[in-house]
């Protein structure tokens, strides 16, 4: 058994280790909007559901030298709204392209050839091509790291509206096999759903 002390490793080494062992990770494809109306779209794999009442999801966005530099973080912090899309096999190529570094005045939605769709309860539009999207209002921002050097921010959003394609619904439930979600592994690697199995929870 290899023993690793994160305190004696660099932040980069800890990042590579974490992303290699916490797998697979769901991907949030997030749209946000700046004051000029430019819609930003970016993927984040530090993402999960955190509560059901109210329905809360969270994503972690890294900082650069202690400052909020990513468009997603700055936009959500200012507007208090965003939309999260589930990444599937049909969307992953455009999502990967959207991960490129574009200036703030350029919309990744336009660059990737995706289509904007109006939201119901937030001003930020979603992505039409996504089979599942969740309109979110900011619930809380939690800076992570130390007071001297915050390294990221945890954005917790309350889902105020779900948009779910009829194509991924089976017996009134979302079917994972129909969604065909894609998850992140380490480095440049992704994973498809794979074989499913069930276990009854002990009573």
N, C-alpha and C. Protein backbone atom coordinates (compact mmCIF):
# COMPACT_ATOMS: atom_id res chain seq x y z
N UNK A 1 0.85 -1.20 0.00
CA UNK A 1 0.00 0.00 0.00
C UNK A 1 0.88 1.24 0.00
N UNK A 2 0.68 2.12 -0.98
CA UNK A 2 1.45 3.35 -1.03
C UNK A 2 0.82 4.39 -0.12
N UNK A 3 1.63 5.05 0.68
CA UNK A 3 1.17 6.08 1.60
C UNK A 3 1.61 7.44 1.07
N UNK A 4 0.64 8.37 0.94
CA UNK A 4 0.94 9.69 0.40
C UNK A 4 0.47 10.76 1.38
N UNK A 5 1.37 11.62 1.76
CA UNK A 5 1.04 12.74 2.64
C UNK A 5 0.84 13.98 1.77
N UNK A 6 -0.39 14.50 1.65
CA UNK A 6 -0.62 15.67 0.78
C UNK A 6 0.13 16.91 1.25
N UNK A 7 0.51 16.95 2.50
CA UNK A 7 1.20 18.13 3.04
C UNK A 7 2.61 18.29 2.46
N UNK A 8 3.19 17.20 1.95
CA UNK A 8 4.55 17.27 1.41
C UNK A 8 4.54 17.24 -0.12
N UNK A 9 3.33 17.31 -0.71
CA UNK A 9 3.21 17.36 -2.16
C UNK A 9 2.82 18.76 -2.61
N UNK A 10 3.04 19.04 -3.88
CA UNK A 10 2.59 20.30 -4.45
C UNK A 10 1.08 20.25 -4.68
N UNK A 11 0.46 21.41 -4.84
CA UNK A 11 -0.98 21.48 -5.13
C UNK A 11 -1.29 20.76 -6.44
N UNK A 12 -0.38 20.86 -7.40
CA UNK A 12 -0.58 20.20 -8.69
C UNK A 12 -0.58 18.70 -8.54
N UNK A 13 0.36 18.18 -7.72
CA UNK A 13 0.41 16.73 -7.49
C UNK A 13 -0.84 16.24 -6.76
N UNK A 14 -1.32 17.03 -5.80
CA UNK A 14 -2.55 16.65 -5.09
C UNK A 14 -3.75 16.67 -6.02
N UNK A 15 -3.77 17.64 -6.94
CA UNK A 15 -4.85 17.71 -7.93
C UNK A 15 -4.86 16.45 -8.79
N UNK A 16 -3.70 16.07 -9.30
CA UNK A 16 -3.62 14.87 -10.15
C UNK A 16 -4.02 13.62 -9.38
N UNK A 17 -3.64 13.55 -8.10
CA UNK A 17 -4.00 12.38 -7.30
C UNK A 17 -5.50 12.34 -7.04
N UNK A 18 -6.07 13.47 -6.66
CA UNK A 18 -7.50 13.53 -6.38
C UNK A 18 -8.33 13.16 -7.61
N UNK A 19 -7.97 13.75 -8.76
CA UNK A 19 -8.75 13.48 -9.97
C UNK A 19 -8.52 12.08 -10.50
N UNK A 20 -7.48 11.42 -10.00
CA UNK A 20 -7.23 10.04 -10.39
C UNK A 20 -7.94 9.03 -9.52
N UNK A 21 -8.24 9.40 -8.27
CA UNK A 21 -8.87 8.45 -7.35
C UNK A 21 -10.35 8.71 -7.14
N UNK A 22 -10.80 9.95 -7.28
CA UNK A 22 -12.23 10.26 -7.14
C UNK A 22 -12.84 10.18 -8.54
N UNK A 23 -13.20 8.95 -8.91
CA UNK A 23 -13.70 8.68 -10.26
C UNK A 23 -14.86 7.69 -10.21
N UNK A 24 -15.77 7.72 -11.18
CA UNK A 24 -15.94 8.79 -12.18
C UNK A 24 -16.62 10.00 -11.54
N UNK A 25 -16.43 11.16 -12.17
CA UNK A 25 -17.05 12.39 -11.66
C UNK A 25 -18.06 12.92 -12.67
N UNK A 26 -19.29 13.24 -12.23
CA UNK A 26 -20.26 13.84 -13.16
C UNK A 26 -19.77 15.20 -13.61
N UNK A 27 -20.20 15.63 -14.77
CA UNK A 27 -19.75 16.90 -15.34
C UNK A 27 -20.92 17.88 -15.39
N UNK A 28 -20.72 19.05 -14.82
CA UNK A 28 -21.69 20.13 -14.94
C UNK A 28 -21.27 21.04 -16.08
N UNK A 29 -22.12 21.18 -17.09
CA UNK A 29 -21.87 22.13 -18.16
C UNK A 29 -22.69 23.36 -17.82
N UNK A 30 -22.02 24.43 -17.43
CA UNK A 30 -22.68 25.57 -16.79
C UNK A 30 -22.75 26.78 -17.73
N UNK A 31 -23.94 27.33 -17.88
CA UNK A 31 -24.07 28.61 -18.56
C UNK A 31 -24.29 29.70 -17.51
N UNK A 32 -23.63 30.84 -17.76
CA UNK A 32 -23.79 32.02 -16.92
C UNK A 32 -23.73 33.23 -17.84
N UNK A 33 -24.07 34.39 -17.32
CA UNK A 33 -24.17 35.57 -18.20
C UNK A 33 -23.54 36.78 -17.52
N UNK A 34 -22.76 37.55 -18.30
CA UNK A 34 -22.13 38.74 -17.72
C UNK A 34 -23.01 39.97 -17.92
N UNK A 35 -22.54 41.11 -17.44
CA UNK A 35 -23.34 42.35 -17.49
C UNK A 35 -23.61 42.82 -18.91
N UNK A 36 -22.77 42.39 -19.85
CA UNK A 36 -22.95 42.78 -21.26
C UNK A 36 -23.87 41.82 -22.01
N UNK A 37 -24.39 40.81 -21.32
CA UNK A 37 -25.29 39.86 -21.94
C UNK A 37 -24.61 38.71 -22.64
N UNK A 38 -23.28 38.60 -22.52
CA UNK A 38 -22.55 37.49 -23.14
C UNK A 38 -22.75 36.23 -22.31
N UNK A 39 -23.18 35.15 -22.96
CA UNK A 39 -23.43 33.89 -22.27
C UNK A 39 -22.17 33.03 -22.31
N UNK A 40 -21.65 32.74 -21.13
CA UNK A 40 -20.48 31.88 -20.99
C UNK A 40 -20.94 30.45 -20.76
N UNK A 41 -20.19 29.48 -21.28
CA UNK A 41 -20.50 28.07 -21.05
C UNK A 41 -19.20 27.34 -20.76
N UNK A 42 -19.16 26.60 -19.64
CA UNK A 42 -17.93 25.93 -19.24
C UNK A 42 -18.24 24.67 -18.45
N UNK A 43 -17.39 23.63 -18.60
CA UNK A 43 -17.60 22.38 -17.86
C UNK A 43 -16.82 22.34 -16.55
N UNK A 44 -17.41 21.67 -15.54
CA UNK A 44 -16.76 21.50 -14.25
C UNK A 44 -17.07 20.09 -13.73
N UNK A 45 -16.01 19.37 -13.33
CA UNK A 45 -16.23 18.01 -12.84
C UNK A 45 -16.12 17.91 -11.32
N UNK A 46 -15.87 19.03 -10.64
CA UNK A 46 -15.98 19.06 -9.19
C UNK A 46 -17.42 19.49 -8.91
N UNK A 47 -18.35 18.53 -9.00
CA UNK A 47 -19.78 18.84 -9.06
C UNK A 47 -20.60 17.68 -8.50
N UNK A 48 -21.68 18.02 -7.77
CA UNK A 48 -22.57 16.97 -7.28
C UNK A 48 -23.85 17.57 -6.68
N UNK A 49 -24.79 16.68 -6.34
CA UNK A 49 -26.00 17.06 -5.61
C UNK A 49 -25.67 17.08 -4.12
N UNK A 50 -26.21 18.07 -3.38
CA UNK A 50 -25.87 18.17 -1.96
C UNK A 50 -27.08 18.19 -1.03
N UNK A 51 -28.29 18.40 -1.57
CA UNK A 51 -29.49 18.38 -0.74
C UNK A 51 -30.72 18.22 -1.62
N UNK A 52 -31.81 17.74 -1.01
CA UNK A 52 -33.05 17.53 -1.76
C UNK A 52 -34.15 18.49 -1.35
N UNK A 53 -34.05 19.08 -0.16
CA UNK A 53 -35.10 20.00 0.31
C UNK A 53 -34.47 21.20 1.00
N UNK A 54 -34.29 22.29 0.27
CA UNK A 54 -34.60 22.48 -1.15
C UNK A 54 -33.59 21.74 -2.03
N UNK A 55 -33.92 21.55 -3.30
CA UNK A 55 -32.98 20.84 -4.19
C UNK A 55 -31.74 21.69 -4.44
N UNK A 56 -30.58 21.24 -3.94
CA UNK A 56 -29.34 21.99 -4.05
C UNK A 56 -28.28 21.17 -4.77
N UNK A 57 -27.57 21.82 -5.68
CA UNK A 57 -26.41 21.22 -6.32
C UNK A 57 -25.23 22.15 -6.11
N UNK A 58 -24.02 21.62 -6.20
CA UNK A 58 -22.84 22.43 -5.94
C UNK A 58 -21.73 22.14 -6.93
N UNK A 59 -20.99 23.18 -7.27
CA UNK A 59 -19.81 23.01 -8.11
C UNK A 59 -18.70 23.87 -7.56
N UNK A 60 -17.48 23.36 -7.67
CA UNK A 60 -16.32 24.07 -7.19
C UNK A 60 -15.57 24.66 -8.37
N UNK A 61 -15.26 25.95 -8.29
CA UNK A 61 -14.55 26.65 -9.36
C UNK A 61 -13.23 27.16 -8.80
N UNK A 62 -12.13 26.80 -9.44
CA UNK A 62 -10.82 27.17 -8.92
C UNK A 62 -10.53 28.65 -9.12
N UNK A 63 -9.66 29.18 -8.27
CA UNK A 63 -9.18 30.56 -8.37
C UNK A 63 -7.77 30.55 -8.95
N UNK A 64 -7.30 31.72 -9.33
CA UNK A 64 -5.92 31.88 -9.78
C UNK A 64 -5.24 32.92 -8.89
N UNK A 65 -4.21 32.47 -8.18
CA UNK A 65 -3.49 33.35 -7.24
C UNK A 65 -4.45 34.03 -6.26
N UNK A 66 -5.43 33.26 -5.80
CA UNK A 66 -6.36 33.75 -4.78
C UNK A 66 -7.49 34.59 -5.29
N UNK A 67 -7.56 34.83 -6.61
CA UNK A 67 -8.58 35.70 -7.17
C UNK A 67 -9.57 34.92 -8.04
N UNK A 68 -10.83 35.35 -8.03
CA UNK A 68 -11.83 34.79 -8.95
C UNK A 68 -11.50 35.26 -10.36
N UNK A 69 -11.03 34.36 -11.20
CA UNK A 69 -10.64 34.75 -12.56
C UNK A 69 -11.50 34.11 -13.64
N UNK A 70 -12.15 32.99 -13.32
CA UNK A 70 -12.96 32.31 -14.33
C UNK A 70 -14.27 33.07 -14.54
N UNK A 71 -14.69 33.14 -15.80
CA UNK A 71 -15.93 33.86 -16.13
C UNK A 71 -17.12 33.30 -15.37
N UNK A 72 -17.19 31.98 -15.24
CA UNK A 72 -18.32 31.35 -14.55
C UNK A 72 -18.44 31.86 -13.12
N UNK A 73 -17.33 31.88 -12.41
CA UNK A 73 -17.34 32.33 -11.02
C UNK A 73 -17.74 33.80 -10.91
N UNK A 74 -17.16 34.64 -11.75
CA UNK A 74 -17.47 36.06 -11.70
C UNK A 74 -18.92 36.34 -12.08
N UNK A 75 -19.42 35.62 -13.08
CA UNK A 75 -20.80 35.84 -13.52
C UNK A 75 -21.81 35.40 -12.48
N UNK A 76 -21.60 34.21 -11.90
CA UNK A 76 -22.54 33.72 -10.88
C UNK A 76 -22.50 34.62 -9.66
N UNK A 77 -21.31 35.04 -9.27
CA UNK A 77 -21.18 35.91 -8.11
C UNK A 77 -21.94 37.21 -8.30
N UNK A 78 -21.95 37.73 -9.53
CA UNK A 78 -22.60 39.01 -9.81
C UNK A 78 -24.11 38.87 -10.04
N UNK A 79 -24.51 37.87 -10.84
CA UNK A 79 -25.92 37.77 -11.23
C UNK A 79 -26.75 36.89 -10.30
N UNK A 80 -26.07 36.01 -9.55
CA UNK A 80 -26.73 35.08 -8.62
C UNK A 80 -27.58 34.03 -9.35
N UNK A 81 -27.28 33.78 -10.63
CA UNK A 81 -28.04 32.80 -11.42
C UNK A 81 -27.12 32.02 -12.34
N UNK A 82 -27.52 30.78 -12.66
CA UNK A 82 -26.80 29.97 -13.63
C UNK A 82 -27.65 28.78 -14.03
N UNK A 83 -27.24 28.08 -15.08
CA UNK A 83 -27.95 26.89 -15.53
C UNK A 83 -26.94 25.75 -15.68
N UNK A 84 -27.29 24.60 -15.13
CA UNK A 84 -26.41 23.42 -15.18
C UNK A 84 -27.01 22.37 -16.11
N UNK A 85 -26.19 21.86 -17.02
CA UNK A 85 -26.62 20.85 -17.99
C UNK A 85 -25.89 19.53 -17.74
N UNK A 86 -26.60 18.42 -17.90
CA UNK A 86 -25.97 17.11 -17.81
C UNK A 86 -25.25 16.83 -19.13
N UNK A 87 -24.00 16.41 -19.04
CA UNK A 87 -23.21 16.12 -20.23
C UNK A 87 -23.44 14.68 -20.65
N UNK A 88 -23.86 14.50 -21.92
CA UNK A 88 -24.08 13.16 -22.44
C UNK A 88 -23.19 12.92 -23.66
N UNK A 89 -23.32 11.73 -24.23
CA UNK A 89 -22.47 11.33 -25.35
C UNK A 89 -22.64 12.26 -26.56
N UNK A 90 -23.83 12.80 -26.74
CA UNK A 90 -24.10 13.66 -27.89
C UNK A 90 -23.55 15.08 -27.70
N UNK A 91 -23.22 15.45 -26.46
CA UNK A 91 -22.83 16.81 -26.14
C UNK A 91 -21.34 16.95 -25.81
N UNK A 92 -20.67 15.84 -25.54
CA UNK A 92 -19.34 15.89 -24.95
C UNK A 92 -18.30 16.56 -25.84
N UNK A 93 -18.39 16.43 -27.14
CA UNK A 93 -17.41 17.07 -28.03
C UNK A 93 -17.48 18.59 -27.91
N UNK A 94 -18.70 19.14 -27.93
CA UNK A 94 -18.85 20.59 -27.79
C UNK A 94 -18.44 21.07 -26.40
N UNK A 95 -18.72 20.25 -25.39
CA UNK A 95 -18.34 20.60 -24.02
C UNK A 95 -16.82 20.67 -23.91
N UNK A 96 -16.14 19.72 -24.51
CA UNK A 96 -14.69 19.72 -24.49
C UNK A 96 -14.14 20.96 -25.20
N UNK A 97 -14.76 21.33 -26.30
CA UNK A 97 -14.33 22.53 -27.04
C UNK A 97 -14.56 23.78 -26.19
N UNK A 98 -15.65 23.81 -25.43
CA UNK A 98 -15.97 24.97 -24.60
C UNK A 98 -14.98 25.16 -23.46
N UNK A 99 -14.19 24.12 -23.17
CA UNK A 99 -13.19 24.22 -22.10
C UNK A 99 -11.98 25.04 -22.52
N UNK A 100 -11.90 25.42 -23.80
CA UNK A 100 -10.80 26.26 -24.26
C UNK A 100 -10.87 27.63 -23.60
N UNK A 101 -9.75 28.33 -23.61
CA UNK A 101 -9.70 29.66 -23.00
C UNK A 101 -10.15 30.72 -24.00
N UNK A 102 -11.37 31.19 -23.82
CA UNK A 102 -11.90 32.26 -24.65
C UNK A 102 -11.95 33.55 -23.83
N UNK A 103 -11.79 34.70 -24.45
CA UNK A 103 -11.95 35.96 -23.71
C UNK A 103 -13.40 36.14 -23.26
N UNK A 104 -13.61 36.99 -22.27
CA UNK A 104 -14.93 37.16 -21.66
C UNK A 104 -15.98 37.65 -22.63
N UNK A 105 -15.56 38.37 -23.68
CA UNK A 105 -16.54 38.91 -24.63
C UNK A 105 -16.93 37.90 -25.71
N UNK A 106 -16.37 36.70 -25.65
CA UNK A 106 -16.69 35.65 -26.62
C UNK A 106 -17.56 34.59 -25.94
N UNK A 107 -18.67 34.21 -26.58
CA UNK A 107 -19.56 33.19 -26.04
C UNK A 107 -19.15 31.81 -26.54
N UNK A 108 -18.88 30.91 -25.61
CA UNK A 108 -18.56 29.53 -25.98
C UNK A 108 -19.74 28.85 -26.66
N UNK A 109 -20.94 29.32 -26.38
CA UNK A 109 -22.13 28.73 -27.01
C UNK A 109 -22.06 28.96 -28.52
N UNK A 110 -21.74 30.17 -28.92
CA UNK A 110 -21.62 30.48 -30.34
C UNK A 110 -20.42 29.76 -30.96
N UNK A 111 -19.30 29.72 -30.25
CA UNK A 111 -18.08 29.11 -30.78
C UNK A 111 -18.24 27.61 -31.01
N UNK A 112 -19.07 26.96 -30.22
CA UNK A 112 -19.26 25.52 -30.34
C UNK A 112 -20.46 25.14 -31.20
N UNK A 113 -21.19 26.13 -31.70
CA UNK A 113 -22.33 25.86 -32.57
C UNK A 113 -23.56 25.36 -31.84
N UNK A 114 -23.62 25.57 -30.52
CA UNK A 114 -24.79 25.16 -29.75
C UNK A 114 -25.87 26.25 -29.82
N UNK A 115 -27.07 25.91 -29.33
CA UNK A 115 -28.22 26.80 -29.46
C UNK A 115 -28.72 27.22 -28.08
N UNK A 116 -28.93 28.51 -27.89
CA UNK A 116 -29.47 29.00 -26.62
C UNK A 116 -30.97 28.71 -26.53
N UNK A 117 -31.42 28.40 -25.31
CA UNK A 117 -32.84 28.16 -25.04
C UNK A 117 -33.24 29.02 -23.85
N UNK A 118 -34.38 29.71 -23.93
CA UNK A 118 -34.79 30.58 -22.82
C UNK A 118 -35.11 29.80 -21.56
N UNK A 119 -34.83 30.41 -20.43
CA UNK A 119 -35.17 29.81 -19.14
C UNK A 119 -36.51 30.33 -18.67
N UNK A 120 -37.06 29.69 -17.64
CA UNK A 120 -38.38 30.06 -17.11
C UNK A 120 -38.28 30.98 -15.89
N UNK A 121 -37.31 30.70 -15.00
CA UNK A 121 -37.27 31.42 -13.73
C UNK A 121 -35.97 32.20 -13.51
N UNK A 122 -35.01 32.06 -14.42
CA UNK A 122 -33.78 32.84 -14.32
C UNK A 122 -33.54 33.54 -15.66
N UNK A 123 -32.70 34.56 -15.65
CA UNK A 123 -32.41 35.31 -16.87
C UNK A 123 -31.40 34.59 -17.76
N UNK A 124 -30.57 33.74 -17.16
CA UNK A 124 -29.53 33.04 -17.91
C UNK A 124 -30.17 31.97 -18.80
N UNK A 125 -29.89 31.98 -20.10
CA UNK A 125 -30.44 30.94 -20.97
C UNK A 125 -29.69 29.63 -20.82
N UNK A 126 -30.34 28.55 -21.28
CA UNK A 126 -29.72 27.24 -21.25
C UNK A 126 -29.29 26.81 -22.65
N UNK A 127 -28.91 25.54 -22.76
CA UNK A 127 -28.47 24.96 -24.02
C UNK A 127 -29.55 24.03 -24.55
N UNK A 128 -30.07 24.31 -25.73
CA UNK A 128 -31.17 23.55 -26.30
C UNK A 128 -30.80 22.08 -26.51
N UNK A 129 -29.56 21.81 -26.90
CA UNK A 129 -29.16 20.45 -27.25
C UNK A 129 -29.02 19.51 -26.06
N UNK A 130 -28.97 20.04 -24.85
CA UNK A 130 -28.83 19.20 -23.65
C UNK A 130 -30.16 18.52 -23.32
N UNK A 131 -30.11 17.25 -22.99
CA UNK A 131 -31.34 16.51 -22.66
C UNK A 131 -31.86 16.85 -21.27
N UNK A 132 -30.96 17.35 -20.41
CA UNK A 132 -31.36 17.73 -19.05
C UNK A 132 -30.66 19.04 -18.68
N UNK A 133 -31.43 20.01 -18.21
CA UNK A 133 -30.83 21.22 -17.68
C UNK A 133 -31.59 21.68 -16.45
N UNK A 134 -30.87 22.37 -15.57
CA UNK A 134 -31.43 22.81 -14.29
C UNK A 134 -31.17 24.29 -14.10
N UNK A 135 -32.23 25.06 -14.02
CA UNK A 135 -32.10 26.49 -13.72
C UNK A 135 -31.79 26.65 -12.23
N UNK A 136 -30.79 27.45 -11.92
CA UNK A 136 -30.37 27.59 -10.53
C UNK A 136 -30.28 29.04 -10.10
N UNK A 137 -30.67 29.28 -8.86
CA UNK A 137 -30.43 30.56 -8.21
C UNK A 137 -29.40 30.32 -7.10
N UNK A 138 -28.46 31.25 -6.99
CA UNK A 138 -27.38 31.07 -6.03
C UNK A 138 -27.91 30.98 -4.61
N UNK A 139 -27.51 29.92 -3.91
CA UNK A 139 -27.90 29.72 -2.51
C UNK A 139 -26.80 30.21 -1.58
N UNK A 140 -25.55 29.90 -1.95
CA UNK A 140 -24.43 30.27 -1.08
C UNK A 140 -23.12 30.12 -1.84
N UNK A 141 -22.15 30.98 -1.53
CA UNK A 141 -20.78 30.82 -2.01
C UNK A 141 -19.90 30.55 -0.80
N UNK A 142 -19.12 29.47 -0.86
CA UNK A 142 -18.21 29.13 0.23
C UNK A 142 -16.78 29.17 -0.29
N UNK A 143 -15.99 30.17 0.10
CA UNK A 143 -14.58 30.19 -0.30
C UNK A 143 -13.84 29.02 0.36
N UNK A 144 -12.98 28.36 -0.40
CA UNK A 144 -12.27 27.19 0.10
C UNK A 144 -10.76 27.45 0.08
N UNK A 145 -10.10 26.93 1.09
CA UNK A 145 -8.66 27.13 1.21
C UNK A 145 -8.37 27.75 2.56
N UNK A 146 -7.50 28.72 2.58
CA UNK A 146 -7.17 29.43 3.81
C UNK A 146 -7.47 30.91 3.64
N UNK A 147 -7.55 31.62 4.77
CA UNK A 147 -7.81 33.07 4.71
C UNK A 147 -6.73 33.79 3.91
N UNK A 148 -5.50 33.26 3.96
CA UNK A 148 -4.40 33.90 3.26
C UNK A 148 -4.43 33.61 1.76
N UNK A 149 -4.96 32.44 1.38
CA UNK A 149 -4.92 32.07 -0.04
C UNK A 149 -6.06 31.13 -0.38
N UNK A 150 -7.25 31.70 -0.64
CA UNK A 150 -8.36 30.87 -1.10
C UNK A 150 -8.01 30.30 -2.47
N UNK A 151 -8.24 29.00 -2.64
CA UNK A 151 -7.86 28.34 -3.89
C UNK A 151 -9.04 28.08 -4.80
N UNK A 152 -10.25 28.12 -4.26
CA UNK A 152 -11.45 27.87 -5.06
C UNK A 152 -12.68 28.36 -4.32
N UNK A 153 -13.81 28.31 -5.02
CA UNK A 153 -15.09 28.70 -4.41
C UNK A 153 -16.12 27.62 -4.69
N UNK A 154 -16.86 27.25 -3.65
CA UNK A 154 -17.94 26.29 -3.80
C UNK A 154 -19.23 27.07 -4.01
N UNK A 155 -19.81 26.92 -5.20
CA UNK A 155 -21.07 27.60 -5.53
C UNK A 155 -22.21 26.61 -5.32
N UNK A 156 -23.08 26.92 -4.37
CA UNK A 156 -24.24 26.06 -4.10
C UNK A 156 -25.46 26.75 -4.71
N UNK A 157 -26.13 26.04 -5.60
CA UNK A 157 -27.28 26.61 -6.27
C UNK A 157 -28.56 25.86 -5.98
N UNK A 158 -29.65 26.59 -5.82
CA UNK A 158 -30.95 25.95 -5.65
C UNK A 158 -31.59 25.77 -7.03
N UNK A 159 -31.97 24.55 -7.33
CA UNK A 159 -32.62 24.27 -8.60
C UNK A 159 -34.06 24.77 -8.52
N UNK A 160 -34.39 25.73 -9.38
CA UNK A 160 -35.73 26.31 -9.37
C UNK A 160 -36.57 25.84 -10.55
N UNK A 161 -35.94 25.14 -11.50
CA UNK A 161 -36.70 24.58 -12.62
C UNK A 161 -35.87 23.50 -13.30
N UNK A 162 -36.50 22.35 -13.55
CA UNK A 162 -35.89 21.26 -14.31
C UNK A 162 -36.44 21.26 -15.73
N UNK A 163 -35.58 21.02 -16.70
CA UNK A 163 -35.99 20.80 -18.09
C UNK A 163 -35.47 19.42 -18.47
N UNK A 164 -36.37 18.49 -18.78
CA UNK A 164 -35.97 17.11 -19.05
C UNK A 164 -36.62 16.63 -20.34
N UNK A 165 -35.81 16.19 -21.27
CA UNK A 165 -36.33 15.70 -22.54
C UNK A 165 -37.15 14.43 -22.33
N UNK A 166 -38.27 14.35 -23.05
CA UNK A 166 -39.11 13.15 -22.98
C UNK A 166 -38.34 11.90 -23.41
N UNK A 167 -37.31 12.09 -24.22
CA UNK A 167 -36.54 10.95 -24.74
C UNK A 167 -35.78 10.20 -23.66
N UNK A 168 -35.51 10.86 -22.52
CA UNK A 168 -34.72 10.19 -21.47
C UNK A 168 -35.60 9.72 -20.31
N UNK A 169 -36.92 9.80 -20.47
CA UNK A 169 -37.85 9.38 -19.42
C UNK A 169 -38.42 8.00 -19.75
N UNK A 170 -38.41 7.15 -18.73
CA UNK A 170 -38.98 5.81 -18.87
C UNK A 170 -39.72 5.48 -17.58
N UNK A 171 -41.00 5.13 -17.69
CA UNK A 171 -41.83 4.83 -16.51
C UNK A 171 -41.81 5.99 -15.50
N UNK A 172 -41.93 7.21 -16.03
CA UNK A 172 -41.99 8.43 -15.22
C UNK A 172 -40.71 8.73 -14.45
N UNK A 173 -39.62 8.06 -14.78
CA UNK A 173 -38.33 8.32 -14.15
C UNK A 173 -37.28 8.59 -15.22
N UNK A 174 -36.24 9.32 -14.84
CA UNK A 174 -35.13 9.53 -15.76
C UNK A 174 -34.34 8.24 -15.88
N UNK A 175 -34.14 7.79 -17.10
CA UNK A 175 -33.42 6.55 -17.37
C UNK A 175 -31.96 6.85 -17.66
N UNK A 176 -31.07 6.33 -16.83
CA UNK A 176 -29.64 6.55 -17.05
C UNK A 176 -29.19 6.02 -18.40
N UNK A 177 -29.75 4.89 -18.81
CA UNK A 177 -29.37 4.30 -20.09
C UNK A 177 -29.79 5.17 -21.26
N UNK A 178 -30.90 5.89 -21.10
CA UNK A 178 -31.35 6.79 -22.16
C UNK A 178 -30.59 8.12 -22.14
N UNK A 179 -30.20 8.57 -20.96
CA UNK A 179 -29.43 9.81 -20.86
C UNK A 179 -28.06 9.65 -21.50
N UNK A 180 -27.43 8.48 -21.30
CA UNK A 180 -26.07 8.22 -21.78
C UNK A 180 -25.09 9.27 -21.26
N UNK A 181 -25.01 9.41 -19.92
CA UNK A 181 -24.14 10.43 -19.35
C UNK A 181 -22.66 10.11 -19.57
N UNK A 182 -21.87 11.16 -19.58
CA UNK A 182 -20.42 11.03 -19.70
C UNK A 182 -19.79 11.61 -18.44
N UNK A 183 -18.79 10.94 -17.90
CA UNK A 183 -18.13 11.40 -16.68
C UNK A 183 -16.64 11.63 -16.93
N UNK A 184 -16.02 12.34 -16.00
CA UNK A 184 -14.59 12.65 -16.11
C UNK A 184 -13.77 11.67 -15.29
N UNK A 185 -12.64 11.31 -15.85
CA UNK A 185 -11.63 10.53 -15.14
C UNK A 185 -10.41 11.45 -14.98
N UNK A 186 -9.22 10.88 -14.90
CA UNK A 186 -8.02 11.70 -14.78
C UNK A 186 -7.53 12.15 -16.15
N UNK A 187 -6.76 13.23 -16.16
CA UNK A 187 -6.17 13.71 -17.41
C UNK A 187 -7.19 14.05 -18.46
N UNK A 188 -7.00 13.51 -19.66
CA UNK A 188 -7.92 13.77 -20.77
C UNK A 188 -8.96 12.67 -20.94
N UNK A 189 -9.07 11.80 -19.96
CA UNK A 189 -9.94 10.62 -20.09
C UNK A 189 -11.36 10.88 -19.59
N UNK A 190 -12.30 10.27 -20.32
CA UNK A 190 -13.72 10.32 -19.98
C UNK A 190 -14.23 8.89 -19.89
N UNK A 191 -15.44 8.74 -19.35
CA UNK A 191 -16.04 7.42 -19.24
C UNK A 191 -17.51 7.47 -19.61
N UNK A 192 -17.97 6.42 -20.29
CA UNK A 192 -19.40 6.27 -20.56
C UNK A 192 -20.03 5.49 -19.41
N UNK A 193 -21.33 5.27 -19.50
CA UNK A 193 -22.07 4.70 -18.38
C UNK A 193 -21.58 3.30 -18.00
N UNK A 194 -21.38 2.42 -18.97
CA UNK A 194 -20.94 1.07 -18.66
C UNK A 194 -22.07 0.16 -18.17
N UNK A 195 -21.69 -0.99 -17.63
CA UNK A 195 -22.66 -2.00 -17.19
C UNK A 195 -23.37 -1.57 -15.91
N UNK A 196 -24.69 -1.76 -15.86
CA UNK A 196 -25.48 -1.43 -14.68
C UNK A 196 -25.81 -2.68 -13.87
N UNK A 197 -25.93 -2.52 -12.54
CA UNK A 197 -26.39 -3.61 -11.70
C UNK A 197 -27.13 -3.02 -10.51
N UNK A 198 -27.92 -3.83 -9.84
CA UNK A 198 -28.73 -3.37 -8.71
C UNK A 198 -28.41 -4.15 -7.46
N UNK A 199 -28.51 -3.49 -6.30
CA UNK A 199 -28.38 -4.15 -5.00
C UNK A 199 -29.50 -3.65 -4.10
N UNK A 200 -30.21 -4.53 -3.46
CA UNK A 200 -31.25 -4.12 -2.53
C UNK A 200 -30.62 -3.60 -1.25
N UNK A 201 -31.09 -2.45 -0.79
CA UNK A 201 -30.54 -1.88 0.45
C UNK A 201 -30.97 -2.72 1.64
N UNK A 202 -30.05 -3.05 2.55
CA UNK A 202 -30.41 -3.85 3.73
C UNK A 202 -31.41 -3.10 4.62
N UNK A 203 -32.32 -3.87 5.27
CA UNK A 203 -33.30 -3.27 6.16
C UNK A 203 -32.80 -3.35 7.59
